[in-house]
């Protein structure tokens, strides 16, 4: 049986850490940034983790 291909889009968006957590970037930082407060945009720069419910699905796509 052939190997399962990993999803290229998911590989670009997510990183699986040694601890097993999945790291992702925050949304809403692409366009229409003039109406958003500086404090809000600064917070969007930081990465965050994927929720426990979606971890299994994303690991399957990436790995």
C-alpha atoms as a PDB file:
ATOM      1  CA  UNK A   1       0.000   0.000   0.000  1.00  0.00           C
ATOM      2  CA  UNK A   2       1.433   3.455  -0.908  1.00  0.00           C
ATOM      3  CA  UNK A   3       2.402   6.012   1.691  1.00  0.00           C
ATOM      4  CA  UNK A   4      -0.086   8.723   2.684  1.00  0.00           C
ATOM      5  CA  UNK A   5       0.905  12.094   1.232  1.00  0.00           C
ATOM      6  CA  UNK A   6       1.151  14.996   3.663  1.00  0.00           C
ATOM      7  CA  UNK A   7      -0.956  18.073   2.925  1.00  0.00           C
ATOM      8  CA  UNK A   8       1.258  20.868   1.486  1.00  0.00           C
ATOM      9  CA  UNK A   9      -1.048  23.674   2.652  1.00  0.00           C
ATOM     10  CA  UNK A  10      -1.040  22.323   6.218  1.00  0.00           C
ATOM     11  CA  UNK A  11       2.764  21.975   6.203  1.00  0.00           C
ATOM     12  CA  UNK A  12       3.072  25.713   5.481  1.00  0.00           C
ATOM     13  CA  UNK A  13       0.598  26.747   8.190  1.00  0.00           C
ATOM     14  CA  UNK A  14       1.339  24.492  11.160  1.00  0.00           C
ATOM     15  CA  UNK A  15       4.378  23.293  13.124  1.00  0.00           C
ATOM     16  CA  UNK A  16       4.325  20.229  15.369  1.00  0.00           C
ATOM     17  CA  UNK A  17       6.516  20.815  18.419  1.00  0.00           C
ATOM     18  CA  UNK A  18       8.503  18.232  20.423  1.00  0.00           C
ATOM     19  CA  UNK A  19       5.928  18.481  23.214  1.00  0.00           C
ATOM     20  CA  UNK A  20       3.263  17.328  20.746  1.00  0.00           C
ATOM     21  CA  UNK A  21       1.472  20.664  20.586  1.00  0.00           C
ATOM     22  CA  UNK A  22       0.648  22.210  17.208  1.00  0.00           C
ATOM     23  CA  UNK A  23       1.660  25.832  16.703  1.00  0.00           C
ATOM     24  CA  UNK A  24      -0.162  28.208  14.348  1.00  0.00           C
ATOM     25  CA  UNK A  25      -0.244  31.888  13.390  1.00  0.00           C
ATOM     26  CA  UNK A  26      -3.192  34.088  14.317  1.00  0.00           C
ATOM     27  CA  UNK A  27      -5.767  35.245  11.784  1.00  0.00           C
ATOM     28  CA  UNK A  28      -6.904  38.788  10.800  1.00  0.00           C
ATOM     29  CA  UNK A  29      -3.433  40.162   9.961  1.00  0.00           C
ATOM     30  CA  UNK A  30      -3.650  40.250   6.133  1.00  0.00           C
ATOM     31  CA  UNK A  31      -5.590  43.351   5.109  1.00  0.00           C
ATOM     32  CA  UNK A  32      -7.927  46.116   6.373  1.00  0.00           C
ATOM     33  CA  UNK A  33      -5.371  46.902   9.080  1.00  0.00           C
ATOM     34  CA  UNK A  34      -6.050  50.663   9.245  1.00  0.00           C
ATOM     35  CA  UNK A  35      -9.185  50.287  11.372  1.00  0.00           C
ATOM     36  CA  UNK A  36      -7.558  47.855  13.805  1.00  0.00           C
ATOM     37  CA  UNK A  37      -5.849  49.222  16.914  1.00  0.00           C
ATOM     38  CA  UNK A  38      -2.059  49.005  17.183  1.00  0.00           C
ATOM     39  CA  UNK A  39      -2.360  46.973  20.384  1.00  0.00           C
ATOM     40  CA  UNK A  40      -4.592  44.444  18.622  1.00  0.00           C
ATOM     41  CA  UNK A  41      -2.228  44.133  15.625  1.00  0.00           C
ATOM     42  CA  UNK A  42       0.741  43.662  17.929  1.00  0.00           C
ATOM     43  CA  UNK A  43      -1.073  40.798  19.666  1.00  0.00           C
ATOM     44  CA  UNK A  44      -1.780  39.167  16.304  1.00  0.00           C
ATOM     45  CA  UNK A  45       1.963  38.883  15.586  1.00  0.00           C
ATOM     46  CA  UNK A  46       2.389  36.256  18.286  1.00  0.00           C
ATOM     47  CA  UNK A  47       1.759  32.615  17.525  1.00  0.00           C
ATOM     48  CA  UNK A  48      -0.651  30.402  19.422  1.00  0.00           C
ATOM     49  CA  UNK A  49      -1.551  26.733  19.737  1.00  0.00           C
ATOM     50  CA  UNK A  50      -4.226  24.696  17.988  1.00  0.00           C
ATOM     51  CA  UNK A  51      -7.109  23.505  20.193  1.00  0.00           C
ATOM     52  CA  UNK A  52      -7.034  19.938  21.537  1.00  0.00           C
ATOM     53  CA  UNK A  53     -10.041  18.974  19.397  1.00  0.00           C
ATOM     54  CA  UNK A  54      -8.245  19.818  16.131  1.00  0.00           C
ATOM     55  CA  UNK A  55      -4.740  18.600  17.050  1.00  0.00           C
ATOM     56  CA  UNK A  56      -5.283  15.018  15.878  1.00  0.00           C
ATOM     57  CA  UNK A  57      -6.643  16.099  12.467  1.00  0.00           C
ATOM     58  CA  UNK A  58      -3.795  18.544  11.786  1.00  0.00           C
ATOM     59  CA  UNK A  59      -1.108  16.050  12.849  1.00  0.00           C
ATOM     60  CA  UNK A  60      -2.560  13.599  10.327  1.00  0.00           C
ATOM     61  CA  UNK A  61      -2.368  16.232   7.562  1.00  0.00           C
ATOM     62  CA  UNK A  62       1.162  17.422   8.396  1.00  0.00           C
ATOM     63  CA  UNK A  63       2.781  14.069   9.180  1.00  0.00           C
END
